Amino acid sequence: MIRVAIVDDHAIVRAGLRQYFSDQVDLKVTGEASNGREALELVRKGDIDVMLMDLSMPDQSGVDALAAIKARAPDLPVLILSGFPEEHYATTLLRQGASGYLNKECDPEEIVKAIRTVHRGRKYITAGVAELLADGLAGGGDKPPHEQLSEREFQVFLRLAKGETIGHMAESMSLSVKTVSTYRTRVMEKMKLESNSDLTYYALKNGLIQ
């Protein structure tokens, strides 16, 4: 039996997935969460084999939550189920430890297949993501600027783009203001941008924030 945790801020999405999984003989939903903090709490309890997690959530984005979960439970497979198209996030999140990336438009059968795949210790790569990864290997120079950021830089970039202050970021990420400022400088240099509003415009234009 594969114990699954569903993390999504929409109760109707969780209910739909739970209902679908209940028809599968080898799946059992053992936890639900509506944000990143609750997801981490589920990881602490430890009654799960695979976590299925949305990206866009209140309080803490799936990007931040993934980093925190992998720090606490590096071997727990985390499958990202997102409303964002694959080309926006998939390769970045796979590099940051996600076991797979699915778009919410996909068939529920594919989610079940992905859960079984990552539970066996393998990555679940859709044809679309495989193409993106192959493109990345073939022409590294064509990568969009945000894919050149490290995991921490990417987190800082998204938070800045959403208008979060450096002080608030330092507190919630348990870093010093100086460290966050250094990350901000690196992000600006790598992405060749001048201001926070440039970051916001880039993130909106590339569908990285809603």
N, C-alpha and C. Protein backbone atom coordinates (compact mmCIF):
# COMPACT_ATOMS: atom_id res chain seq x y z
N MET A 1 0.84 -1.20 0.00
CA MET A 1 0.00 0.00 0.00
C MET A 1 0.88 1.26 0.00
N ILE A 2 0.63 2.17 -0.94
CA ILE A 2 1.40 3.42 -1.01
C ILE A 2 0.63 4.51 -0.25
N ARG A 3 1.26 5.04 0.79
CA ARG A 3 0.61 6.10 1.59
C ARG A 3 0.90 7.46 0.96
N VAL A 4 -0.18 8.16 0.60
CA VAL A 4 -0.05 9.42 -0.15
C VAL A 4 -0.55 10.60 0.68
N ALA A 5 0.20 11.71 0.62
CA ALA A 5 -0.26 12.97 1.23
C ALA A 5 -0.59 13.93 0.09
N ILE A 6 -1.75 14.62 0.21
CA ILE A 6 -2.17 15.58 -0.82
C ILE A 6 -2.04 16.99 -0.24
N VAL A 7 -1.25 17.84 -0.92
CA VAL A 7 -1.07 19.22 -0.45
C VAL A 7 -1.59 20.18 -1.53
N ASP A 8 -2.71 20.82 -1.24
CA ASP A 8 -3.32 21.77 -2.18
C ASP A 8 -4.22 22.70 -1.38
N ASP A 9 -4.23 23.99 -1.72
CA ASP A 9 -5.03 24.92 -0.92
C ASP A 9 -6.52 24.90 -1.31
N HIS A 10 -6.89 24.12 -2.33
CA HIS A 10 -8.30 24.01 -2.71
C HIS A 10 -8.88 22.70 -2.19
N ALA A 11 -9.83 22.80 -1.28
CA ALA A 11 -10.44 21.60 -0.68
C ALA A 11 -11.07 20.70 -1.74
N ILE A 12 -11.64 21.32 -2.78
CA ILE A 12 -12.32 20.53 -3.81
C ILE A 12 -11.33 19.69 -4.61
N VAL A 13 -10.12 20.23 -4.80
CA VAL A 13 -9.07 19.46 -5.51
C VAL A 13 -8.65 18.27 -4.65
N ARG A 14 -8.45 18.53 -3.36
CA ARG A 14 -8.05 17.44 -2.44
C ARG A 14 -9.13 16.35 -2.41
N ALA A 15 -10.39 16.78 -2.34
CA ALA A 15 -11.49 15.82 -2.26
C ALA A 15 -11.58 14.98 -3.54
N GLY A 16 -11.40 15.64 -4.69
CA GLY A 16 -11.46 14.92 -5.96
C GLY A 16 -10.35 13.88 -6.08
N LEU A 17 -9.15 14.27 -5.68
CA LEU A 17 -8.02 13.34 -5.73
C LEU A 17 -8.21 12.19 -4.75
N ARG A 18 -8.67 12.55 -3.54
CA ARG A 18 -8.89 11.51 -2.52
C ARG A 18 -9.90 10.47 -3.01
N GLN A 19 -10.98 10.96 -3.64
CA GLN A 19 -12.02 10.08 -4.17
C GLN A 19 -11.44 9.15 -5.25
N TYR A 20 -10.65 9.76 -6.15
CA TYR A 20 -10.07 8.96 -7.25
C TYR A 20 -9.09 7.91 -6.71
N PHE A 21 -8.27 8.32 -5.75
CA PHE A 21 -7.27 7.39 -5.19
C PHE A 21 -7.95 6.25 -4.42
N SER A 22 -9.13 6.51 -3.85
CA SER A 22 -9.81 5.47 -3.06
C SER A 22 -10.23 4.28 -3.94
N ASP A 23 -10.31 4.51 -5.26
CA ASP A 23 -10.65 3.42 -6.18
C ASP A 23 -9.43 2.58 -6.58
N GLN A 24 -8.25 3.02 -6.15
CA GLN A 24 -7.02 2.29 -6.50
C GLN A 24 -6.65 1.35 -5.34
N VAL A 25 -6.46 0.09 -5.66
CA VAL A 25 -6.22 -0.89 -4.59
C VAL A 25 -4.92 -0.66 -3.82
N ASP A 26 -3.95 0.00 -4.49
CA ASP A 26 -2.63 0.12 -3.85
C ASP A 26 -2.35 1.52 -3.29
N LEU A 27 -3.35 2.43 -3.30
CA LEU A 27 -3.13 3.79 -2.80
C LEU A 27 -4.00 4.08 -1.59
N LYS A 28 -3.43 4.80 -0.63
CA LYS A 28 -4.20 5.19 0.54
C LYS A 28 -3.78 6.61 0.95
N VAL A 29 -4.75 7.52 1.03
CA VAL A 29 -4.45 8.90 1.44
C VAL A 29 -4.33 8.93 2.96
N THR A 30 -3.13 9.25 3.45
CA THR A 30 -2.90 9.25 4.91
C THR A 30 -2.68 10.66 5.47
N GLY A 31 -2.75 11.66 4.59
CA GLY A 31 -2.58 13.03 5.09
C GLY A 31 -3.00 14.06 4.06
N GLU A 32 -3.49 15.20 4.55
CA GLU A 32 -3.85 16.32 3.67
C GLU A 32 -3.34 17.61 4.28
N ALA A 33 -2.97 18.56 3.42
CA ALA A 33 -2.52 19.86 3.91
C ALA A 33 -2.94 20.92 2.90
N SER A 34 -3.11 22.16 3.39
CA SER A 34 -3.54 23.23 2.48
C SER A 34 -2.44 24.26 2.25
N ASN A 35 -1.29 24.08 2.93
CA ASN A 35 -0.17 25.01 2.69
C ASN A 35 1.16 24.32 3.05
N GLY A 36 2.24 25.04 2.78
CA GLY A 36 3.57 24.48 2.98
C GLY A 36 3.88 24.11 4.43
N ARG A 37 3.39 24.95 5.36
CA ARG A 37 3.65 24.68 6.79
C ARG A 37 3.01 23.37 7.23
N GLU A 38 1.74 23.20 6.80
CA GLU A 38 1.03 21.96 7.15
C GLU A 38 1.69 20.75 6.48
N ALA A 39 2.22 20.97 5.26
CA ALA A 39 2.91 19.88 4.55
C ALA A 39 4.12 19.40 5.35
N LEU A 40 4.86 20.36 5.90
CA LEU A 40 6.04 20.02 6.70
C LEU A 40 5.64 19.25 7.96
N GLU A 41 4.49 19.62 8.51
CA GLU A 41 3.96 18.93 9.69
C GLU A 41 3.67 17.46 9.36
N LEU A 42 3.12 17.23 8.17
CA LEU A 42 2.84 15.85 7.73
C LEU A 42 4.14 15.06 7.60
N VAL A 43 5.18 15.74 7.09
CA VAL A 43 6.49 15.08 6.93
C VAL A 43 7.03 14.69 8.31
N ARG A 44 6.84 15.58 9.28
CA ARG A 44 7.33 15.30 10.64
C ARG A 44 6.64 14.05 11.22
N LYS A 45 5.34 13.91 10.94
CA LYS A 45 4.60 12.75 11.46
C LYS A 45 5.08 11.46 10.80
N GLY A 46 5.49 11.57 9.54
CA GLY A 46 6.15 10.44 8.89
C GLY A 46 5.27 9.32 8.36
N ASP A 47 3.96 9.53 8.29
CA ASP A 47 3.06 8.45 7.85
C ASP A 47 2.79 8.49 6.35
N ILE A 48 3.81 8.84 5.55
CA ILE A 48 3.61 8.98 4.10
C ILE A 48 4.78 8.41 3.29
N ASP A 49 4.43 7.92 2.09
CA ASP A 49 5.44 7.38 1.18
C ASP A 49 5.69 8.31 0.00
N VAL A 50 4.63 9.05 -0.40
CA VAL A 50 4.74 9.98 -1.53
C VAL A 50 3.93 11.23 -1.21
N MET A 51 4.49 12.39 -1.52
CA MET A 51 3.74 13.64 -1.33
C MET A 51 3.39 14.23 -2.68
N LEU A 52 2.11 14.55 -2.86
CA LEU A 52 1.62 15.19 -4.09
C LEU A 52 1.33 16.64 -3.72
N MET A 53 2.04 17.60 -4.33
CA MET A 53 1.97 18.98 -3.84
C MET A 53 1.75 20.00 -4.95
N ASP A 54 0.85 20.93 -4.67
CA ASP A 54 0.61 22.07 -5.56
C ASP A 54 1.76 23.07 -5.39
N LEU A 55 1.92 23.96 -6.38
CA LEU A 55 2.97 24.98 -6.29
C LEU A 55 2.46 26.28 -5.69
N SER A 56 1.25 26.67 -6.11
CA SER A 56 0.73 27.98 -5.73
C SER A 56 -0.14 27.86 -4.48
N MET A 57 0.44 28.21 -3.33
CA MET A 57 -0.29 28.09 -2.06
C MET A 57 -0.08 29.33 -1.20
N PRO A 58 -1.02 29.59 -0.29
CA PRO A 58 -0.83 30.74 0.61
C PRO A 58 0.30 30.49 1.60
N ASP A 59 0.79 31.55 2.22
CA ASP A 59 1.84 31.48 3.26
C ASP A 59 3.21 31.10 2.70
N GLN A 60 3.26 29.93 2.08
CA GLN A 60 4.56 29.43 1.62
C GLN A 60 4.34 28.76 0.28
N SER A 61 5.08 29.17 -0.74
CA SER A 61 4.89 28.56 -2.06
C SER A 61 5.42 27.13 -2.06
N GLY A 62 5.00 26.37 -3.07
CA GLY A 62 5.49 25.00 -3.20
C GLY A 62 7.00 24.94 -3.39
N VAL A 63 7.56 26.01 -3.98
CA VAL A 63 9.02 26.06 -4.19
C VAL A 63 9.73 26.09 -2.83
N ASP A 64 9.26 26.97 -1.94
CA ASP A 64 9.85 27.04 -0.59
C ASP A 64 9.60 25.75 0.19
N ALA A 65 8.35 25.25 0.07
CA ALA A 65 7.98 24.04 0.81
C ALA A 65 8.84 22.86 0.36
N LEU A 66 9.08 22.75 -0.95
CA LEU A 66 9.91 21.65 -1.46
C LEU A 66 11.30 21.68 -0.83
N ALA A 67 11.89 22.88 -0.76
CA ALA A 67 13.23 23.01 -0.17
C ALA A 67 13.23 22.56 1.29
N ALA A 68 12.19 22.98 2.03
CA ALA A 68 12.11 22.62 3.46
C ALA A 68 11.87 21.12 3.64
N ILE A 69 11.03 20.54 2.79
CA ILE A 69 10.72 19.11 2.89
C ILE A 69 11.95 18.27 2.55
N LYS A 70 12.66 18.65 1.48
CA LYS A 70 13.84 17.87 1.08
C LYS A 70 14.95 17.98 2.12
N ALA A 71 15.00 19.13 2.83
CA ALA A 71 16.01 19.29 3.88
C ALA A 71 15.69 18.35 5.04
N ARG A 72 14.40 18.15 5.32
CA ARG A 72 14.00 17.32 6.45
C ARG A 72 13.92 15.84 6.09
N ALA A 73 13.41 15.56 4.88
CA ALA A 73 13.22 14.16 4.46
C ALA A 73 13.73 13.99 3.02
N PRO A 74 15.06 13.94 2.85
CA PRO A 74 15.63 13.92 1.50
C PRO A 74 15.16 12.76 0.64
N ASP A 75 14.74 11.64 1.27
CA ASP A 75 14.34 10.46 0.49
C ASP A 75 12.86 10.42 0.16
N LEU A 76 12.07 11.35 0.70
CA LEU A 76 10.63 11.33 0.43
C LEU A 76 10.35 11.84 -0.99
N PRO A 77 9.72 11.03 -1.84
CA PRO A 77 9.41 11.52 -3.19
C PRO A 77 8.32 12.60 -3.14
N VAL A 78 8.61 13.74 -3.76
CA VAL A 78 7.62 14.83 -3.83
C VAL A 78 7.26 15.04 -5.30
N LEU A 79 5.98 14.84 -5.60
CA LEU A 79 5.47 14.97 -6.96
C LEU A 79 4.74 16.30 -7.04
N ILE A 80 5.17 17.17 -7.96
CA ILE A 80 4.54 18.48 -8.09
C ILE A 80 3.36 18.40 -9.06
N LEU A 81 2.19 18.87 -8.60
CA LEU A 81 1.00 18.95 -9.44
C LEU A 81 0.62 20.43 -9.51
N SER A 82 0.83 21.03 -10.68
CA SER A 82 0.72 22.49 -10.75
C SER A 82 -0.17 22.96 -11.89
N GLY A 83 -0.73 24.15 -11.70
CA GLY A 83 -1.50 24.78 -12.76
C GLY A 83 -0.60 25.48 -13.76
N PHE A 84 0.68 25.64 -13.41
CA PHE A 84 1.63 26.30 -14.31
C PHE A 84 2.11 25.33 -15.39
N PRO A 85 2.27 25.79 -16.64
CA PRO A 85 2.78 24.90 -17.69
C PRO A 85 4.17 24.38 -17.35
N GLU A 86 4.49 23.22 -17.90
CA GLU A 86 5.77 22.55 -17.58
C GLU A 86 6.98 23.43 -17.86
N GLU A 87 6.92 24.19 -18.97
CA GLU A 87 8.14 24.93 -19.35
C GLU A 87 8.51 26.01 -18.35
N HIS A 88 7.57 26.41 -17.47
CA HIS A 88 7.88 27.48 -16.52
C HIS A 88 8.68 26.99 -15.31
N TYR A 89 8.38 25.79 -14.85
CA TYR A 89 8.95 25.36 -13.57
C TYR A 89 9.61 23.98 -13.56
N ALA A 90 9.19 23.11 -14.46
CA ALA A 90 9.53 21.69 -14.32
C ALA A 90 11.03 21.41 -14.15
N THR A 91 11.85 21.91 -15.07
CA THR A 91 13.28 21.56 -15.00
C THR A 91 13.93 22.14 -13.74
N THR A 92 13.52 23.34 -13.36
CA THR A 92 14.07 23.96 -12.15
C THR A 92 13.74 23.12 -10.92
N LEU A 93 12.48 22.69 -10.79
CA LEU A 93 12.06 21.94 -9.61
C LEU A 93 12.64 20.52 -9.58
N LEU A 94 12.81 19.92 -10.74
CA LEU A 94 13.44 18.60 -10.78
C LEU A 94 14.89 18.70 -10.30
N ARG A 95 15.55 19.79 -10.68
CA ARG A 95 16.93 20.02 -10.20
C ARG A 95 16.94 20.23 -8.68
N GLN A 96 15.85 20.77 -8.15
CA GLN A 96 15.80 21.09 -6.72
C GLN A 96 15.26 19.94 -5.87
N GLY A 97 15.08 18.78 -6.50
CA GLY A 97 14.73 17.60 -5.69
C GLY A 97 13.35 17.03 -5.90
N ALA A 98 12.49 17.67 -6.72
CA ALA A 98 11.17 17.09 -7.00
C ALA A 98 11.35 15.78 -7.75
N SER A 99 10.46 14.82 -7.51
CA SER A 99 10.56 13.53 -8.19
C SER A 99 9.79 13.51 -9.51
N GLY A 100 8.98 14.53 -9.72
CA GLY A 100 8.22 14.61 -10.97
C GLY A 100 7.41 15.88 -11.01
N TYR A 101 6.92 16.22 -12.21
CA TYR A 101 6.15 17.46 -12.38
C TYR A 101 4.99 17.17 -13.33
N LEU A 102 3.78 17.41 -12.84
CA LEU A 102 2.58 17.20 -13.66
C LEU A 102 1.77 18.48 -13.72
N ASN A 103 1.16 18.72 -14.86
CA ASN A 103 0.26 19.86 -14.99
C ASN A 103 -1.14 19.40 -14.58
N LYS A 104 -1.90 20.30 -13.94
CA LYS A 104 -3.24 19.93 -13.45
C LYS A 104 -4.21 19.56 -14.57
N GLU A 105 -3.82 19.87 -15.80
CA GLU A 105 -4.67 19.50 -16.94
C GLU A 105 -4.57 18.00 -17.25
N CYS A 106 -3.60 17.32 -16.63
CA CYS A 106 -3.37 15.91 -17.00
C CYS A 106 -4.50 15.01 -16.53
N ASP A 107 -4.53 13.81 -17.09
CA ASP A 107 -5.53 12.81 -16.73
C ASP A 107 -5.22 12.25 -15.34
N PRO A 108 -6.26 12.01 -14.51
CA PRO A 108 -6.00 11.44 -13.17
C PRO A 108 -5.22 10.13 -13.22
N GLU A 109 -5.42 9.36 -14.29
CA GLU A 109 -4.68 8.10 -14.42
C GLU A 109 -3.17 8.34 -14.46
N GLU A 110 -2.80 9.49 -15.05
CA GLU A 110 -1.36 9.79 -15.14
C GLU A 110 -0.81 10.12 -13.76
N ILE A 111 -1.62 10.75 -12.91
CA ILE A 111 -1.17 11.06 -11.54
C ILE A 111 -0.89 9.76 -10.79
N VAL A 112 -1.80 8.80 -10.94
CA VAL A 112 -1.63 7.50 -10.27
C VAL A 112 -0.36 6.80 -10.77
N LYS A 113 -0.18 6.84 -12.08
CA LYS A 113 1.02 6.23 -12.70
C LYS A 113 2.29 6.89 -12.15
N ALA A 114 2.23 8.23 -12.03
CA ALA A 114 3.39 8.98 -11.53
C ALA A 114 3.69 8.62 -10.07
N ILE A 115 2.63 8.50 -9.26
CA ILE A 115 2.82 8.14 -7.83
C ILE A 115 3.51 6.78 -7.73
N ARG A 116 3.04 5.83 -8.52
CA ARG A 116 3.65 4.48 -8.48
C ARG A 116 5.11 4.52 -8.93
N THR A 117 5.38 5.36 -9.94
CA THR A 117 6.75 5.46 -10.47
C THR A 117 7.71 6.04 -9.43
N VAL A 118 7.32 7.17 -8.82
CA VAL A 118 8.23 7.81 -7.85
C VAL A 118 8.36 6.99 -6.58
N HIS A 119 7.32 6.22 -6.25
CA HIS A 119 7.39 5.35 -5.07
C HIS A 119 8.45 4.27 -5.26
N ARG A 120 8.68 3.89 -6.52
CA ARG A 120 9.72 2.89 -6.81
C ARG A 120 11.11 3.51 -6.82
N GLY A 121 11.18 4.81 -6.53
CA GLY A 121 12.49 5.47 -6.46
C GLY A 121 12.95 6.07 -7.77
N ARG A 122 12.03 6.13 -8.75
CA ARG A 122 12.41 6.72 -10.04
C ARG A 122 11.77 8.10 -10.19
N LYS A 123 12.32 8.88 -11.12
CA LYS A 123 11.71 10.18 -11.44
C LYS A 123 10.56 9.94 -12.43
N TYR A 124 9.53 10.77 -12.35
CA TYR A 124 8.47 10.68 -13.34
C TYR A 124 8.62 11.86 -14.29
N ILE A 125 8.99 11.56 -15.52
CA ILE A 125 9.24 12.61 -16.52
C ILE A 125 8.24 12.47 -17.65
N THR A 126 7.40 13.47 -17.86
CA THR A 126 6.47 13.44 -18.99
C THR A 126 7.25 13.71 -20.27
N ALA A 127 6.61 13.43 -21.41
CA ALA A 127 7.27 13.65 -22.70
C ALA A 127 7.67 15.12 -22.86
N GLY A 128 6.79 16.02 -22.40
CA GLY A 128 7.06 17.46 -22.50
C GLY A 128 8.28 17.87 -21.69
N VAL A 129 8.38 17.33 -20.47
CA VAL A 129 9.53 17.65 -19.60
C VAL A 129 10.80 17.03 -20.16
N ALA A 130 10.69 15.81 -20.70
CA ALA A 130 11.87 15.15 -21.29
C ALA A 130 12.45 16.00 -22.42
N GLU A 131 11.54 16.60 -23.19
CA GLU A 131 11.97 17.47 -24.29
C GLU A 131 12.69 18.71 -23.76
N LEU A 132 12.13 19.28 -22.69
CA LEU A 132 12.75 20.48 -22.08
C LEU A 132 14.14 20.14 -21.55
N LEU A 133 14.25 18.97 -20.89
CA LEU A 133 15.55 18.56 -20.33
C LEU A 133 16.55 18.32 -21.46
N ALA A 134 16.09 17.70 -22.54
CA ALA A 134 16.98 17.43 -23.68
C ALA A 134 17.44 18.74 -24.31
N ASP A 135 16.51 19.70 -24.44
CA ASP A 135 16.87 21.02 -24.99
C ASP A 135 17.92 21.69 -24.11
N GLY A 136 17.74 21.53 -22.80
CA GLY A 136 18.68 22.14 -21.85
C GLY A 136 20.07 21.56 -22.00
N LEU A 137 20.15 20.24 -22.24
CA LEU A 137 21.46 19.59 -22.41
C LEU A 137 22.08 19.98 -23.75
N ALA A 138 21.22 20.08 -24.77
CA ALA A 138 21.74 20.36 -26.11
C ALA A 138 22.24 21.79 -26.26
N GLY A 139 21.44 22.71 -25.75
CA GLY A 139 21.83 24.12 -25.92
C GLY A 139 21.75 24.87 -24.62
N GLY A 140 22.71 24.66 -23.74
CA GLY A 140 22.69 25.29 -22.42
C GLY A 140 22.56 26.80 -22.47
N GLY A 141 23.06 27.40 -23.57
CA GLY A 141 23.02 28.85 -23.68
C GLY A 141 21.63 29.40 -23.89
N ASP A 142 20.67 28.53 -24.28
CA ASP A 142 19.32 28.99 -24.56
C ASP A 142 18.44 29.00 -23.31
N LYS A 143 19.01 28.60 -22.20
CA LYS A 143 18.20 28.53 -20.98
C LYS A 143 17.71 29.91 -20.57
N PRO A 144 16.42 30.01 -20.15
CA PRO A 144 15.95 31.31 -19.66
C PRO A 144 16.73 31.70 -18.41
N PRO A 145 16.88 33.01 -18.17
CA PRO A 145 17.71 33.46 -17.03
C PRO A 145 17.35 32.84 -15.68
N HIS A 146 16.05 32.63 -15.41
CA HIS A 146 15.68 32.12 -14.07
C HIS A 146 16.15 30.68 -13.85
N GLU A 147 16.43 29.95 -14.92
CA GLU A 147 16.90 28.57 -14.77
C GLU A 147 18.39 28.50 -14.43
N GLN A 148 19.05 29.65 -14.49
CA GLN A 148 20.48 29.68 -14.13
C GLN A 148 20.68 29.99 -12.64
N LEU A 149 19.57 30.25 -11.94
CA LEU A 149 19.67 30.58 -10.51
C LEU A 149 19.81 29.31 -9.68
N SER A 150 20.51 29.42 -8.56
CA SER A 150 20.59 28.30 -7.63
C SER A 150 19.23 28.18 -6.93
N GLU A 151 19.07 27.10 -6.18
CA GLU A 151 17.81 26.86 -5.46
C GLU A 151 17.44 28.05 -4.57
N ARG A 152 18.40 28.52 -3.76
CA ARG A 152 18.14 29.62 -2.83
C ARG A 152 17.87 30.92 -3.59
N GLU A 153 18.65 31.16 -4.64
CA GLU A 153 18.46 32.38 -5.44
C GLU A 153 17.08 32.39 -6.07
N PHE A 154 16.63 31.21 -6.52
CA PHE A 154 15.30 31.11 -7.15
C PHE A 154 14.21 31.43 -6.13
N GLN A 155 14.37 30.93 -4.89
CA GLN A 155 13.41 31.24 -3.83
C GLN A 155 13.35 32.75 -3.59
N VAL A 156 14.52 33.37 -3.47
CA VAL A 156 14.60 34.82 -3.20
C VAL A 156 13.99 35.60 -4.38
N PHE A 157 14.30 35.16 -5.59
CA PHE A 157 13.75 35.82 -6.79
C PHE A 157 12.22 35.82 -6.75
N LEU A 158 11.61 34.66 -6.47
CA LEU A 158 10.14 34.58 -6.47
C LEU A 158 9.53 35.46 -5.38
N ARG A 159 10.17 35.47 -4.21
CA ARG A 159 9.65 36.28 -3.10
C ARG A 159 9.75 37.78 -3.41
N LEU A 160 10.88 38.18 -3.98
CA LEU A 160 11.05 39.59 -4.38
C LEU A 160 10.01 39.98 -5.44
N ALA A 161 9.80 39.07 -6.39
CA ALA A 161 8.86 39.33 -7.48
C ALA A 161 7.44 39.52 -6.95
N LYS A 162 7.14 38.84 -5.83
CA LYS A 162 5.80 38.98 -5.23
C LYS A 162 5.71 40.19 -4.30
N GLY A 163 6.82 40.94 -4.19
CA GLY A 163 6.79 42.16 -3.40
C GLY A 163 7.18 42.01 -1.95
N GLU A 164 7.77 40.88 -1.59
CA GLU A 164 8.17 40.67 -0.19
C GLU A 164 9.42 41.50 0.13
N THR A 165 9.47 42.05 1.32
CA THR A 165 10.63 42.87 1.69
C THR A 165 11.79 41.97 2.12
N ILE A 166 13.00 42.52 2.06
CA ILE A 166 14.19 41.76 2.45
C ILE A 166 14.13 41.39 3.92
N GLY A 167 13.63 42.31 4.75
CA GLY A 167 13.51 42.06 6.19
C GLY A 167 12.58 40.89 6.49
N HIS A 168 11.43 40.88 5.83
CA HIS A 168 10.45 39.81 6.05
C HIS A 168 11.01 38.47 5.56
N MET A 169 11.71 38.54 4.41
CA MET A 169 12.31 37.33 3.85
C MET A 169 13.36 36.74 4.79
N ALA A 170 14.20 37.62 5.31
CA ALA A 170 15.26 37.18 6.22
C ALA A 170 14.66 36.43 7.41
N GLU A 171 13.57 37.00 7.95
CA GLU A 171 12.92 36.40 9.11
C GLU A 171 12.31 35.04 8.76
N SER A 172 11.55 34.97 7.66
CA SER A 172 10.84 33.72 7.34
C SER A 172 11.78 32.63 6.81
N MET A 173 12.92 33.04 6.25
CA MET A 173 13.87 32.03 5.74
C MET A 173 14.99 31.74 6.73
N SER A 174 14.91 32.38 7.91
CA SER A 174 15.94 32.21 8.95
C SER A 174 17.33 32.56 8.45
N LEU A 175 17.43 33.68 7.74
CA LEU A 175 18.72 34.17 7.24
C LEU A 175 18.91 35.60 7.72
N SER A 176 20.15 36.09 7.65
CA SER A 176 20.38 37.49 8.03
C SER A 176 19.98 38.39 6.86
N VAL A 177 19.69 39.65 7.17
CA VAL A 177 19.33 40.62 6.14
C VAL A 177 20.46 40.74 5.12
N LYS A 178 21.69 40.70 5.64
CA LYS A 178 22.87 40.82 4.76
C LYS A 178 22.93 39.66 3.76
N THR A 179 22.64 38.45 4.24
CA THR A 179 22.67 37.28 3.35
C THR A 179 21.61 37.39 2.27
N VAL A 180 20.39 37.79 2.66
CA VAL A 180 19.31 37.93 1.66
C VAL A 180 19.67 39.00 0.64
N SER A 181 20.28 40.10 1.13
CA SER A 181 20.70 41.18 0.22
C SER A 181 21.73 40.67 -0.79
N THR A 182 22.64 39.80 -0.31
CA THR A 182 23.65 39.22 -1.21
C THR A 182 22.97 38.36 -2.27
N TYR A 183 21.98 37.56 -1.85
CA TYR A 183 21.24 36.74 -2.82
C TYR A 183 20.54 37.63 -3.84
N ARG A 184 19.95 38.73 -3.36
CA ARG A 184 19.25 39.64 -4.27
C ARG A 184 20.22 40.20 -5.32
N THR A 185 21.41 40.59 -4.86
CA THR A 185 22.43 41.13 -5.78
C THR A 185 22.80 40.10 -6.84
N ARG A 186 22.99 38.83 -6.40
CA ARG A 186 23.34 37.77 -7.33
C ARG A 186 22.22 37.53 -8.35
N VAL A 187 20.98 37.54 -7.86
CA VAL A 187 19.82 37.35 -8.75
C VAL A 187 19.79 38.44 -9.81
N MET A 188 19.97 39.69 -9.38
CA MET A 188 19.95 40.82 -10.32
C MET A 188 21.06 40.70 -11.37
N GLU A 189 22.24 40.28 -10.91
CA GLU A 189 23.38 40.15 -11.83
C GLU A 189 23.13 39.04 -12.86
N LYS A 190 22.71 37.87 -12.35
CA LYS A 190 22.50 36.72 -13.24
C LYS A 190 21.37 36.98 -14.25
N MET A 191 20.35 37.71 -13.80
CA MET A 191 19.19 37.94 -14.67
C MET A 191 19.30 39.26 -15.44
N LYS A 192 20.38 40.00 -15.16
CA LYS A 192 20.63 41.29 -15.83
C LYS A 192 19.43 42.24 -15.70
N LEU A 193 18.94 42.35 -14.46
CA LEU A 193 17.81 43.24 -14.17
C LEU A 193 18.25 44.29 -13.16
N GLU A 194 17.52 45.41 -13.13
CA GLU A 194 17.93 46.55 -12.30
C GLU A 194 17.16 46.69 -10.99
N SER A 195 15.86 46.38 -11.02
CA SER A 195 15.03 46.69 -9.84
C SER A 195 14.06 45.55 -9.53
N ASN A 196 13.42 45.66 -8.36
CA ASN A 196 12.43 44.66 -7.96
C ASN A 196 11.25 44.64 -8.93
N SER A 197 10.88 45.82 -9.45
CA SER A 197 9.75 45.87 -10.38
C SER A 197 10.11 45.15 -11.69
N ASP A 198 11.41 45.18 -12.07
CA ASP A 198 11.85 44.41 -13.24
C ASP A 198 11.67 42.91 -12.98
N LEU A 199 11.98 42.49 -11.75
CA LEU A 199 11.82 41.08 -11.38
C LEU A 199 10.35 40.68 -11.47
N THR A 200 9.48 41.55 -10.94
CA THR A 200 8.03 41.26 -10.95
C THR A 200 7.54 41.14 -12.39
N TYR A 201 7.96 42.08 -13.23
CA TYR A 201 7.55 42.06 -14.64
C TYR A 201 8.02 40.76 -15.31
N TYR A 202 9.27 40.39 -15.07
CA TYR A 202 9.82 39.16 -15.66
C TYR A 202 9.01 37.94 -15.19
N ALA A 203 8.74 37.88 -13.88
CA ALA A 203 8.02 36.72 -13.32
C ALA A 203 6.61 36.61 -13.88
N LEU A 204 5.94 37.75 -14.03
CA LEU A 204 4.58 37.75 -14.59
C LEU A 204 4.61 37.35 -16.07
N LYS A 205 5.55 37.94 -16.80
CA LYS A 205 5.66 37.68 -18.24
C LYS A 205 5.94 36.21 -18.53
N ASN A 206 6.72 35.58 -17.63
CA ASN A 206 7.09 34.18 -17.83
C ASN A 206 6.19 33.20 -17.08
N GLY A 207 5.10 33.75 -16.52
CA GLY A 207 4.13 32.88 -15.86
C GLY A 207 4.61 32.21 -14.59
N LEU A 208 5.60 32.83 -13.92
CA LEU A 208 6.15 32.24 -12.69
C LEU A 208 5.36 32.64 -11.45
N ILE A 209 4.60 33.73 -11.55
CA ILE A 209 3.68 34.13 -10.47
C ILE A 209 2.36 34.51 -11.13
N GLN A 210 1.29 34.46 -10.33
CA GLN A 210 -0.03 34.80 -10.86
C GLN A 210 -0.46 36.16 -10.37
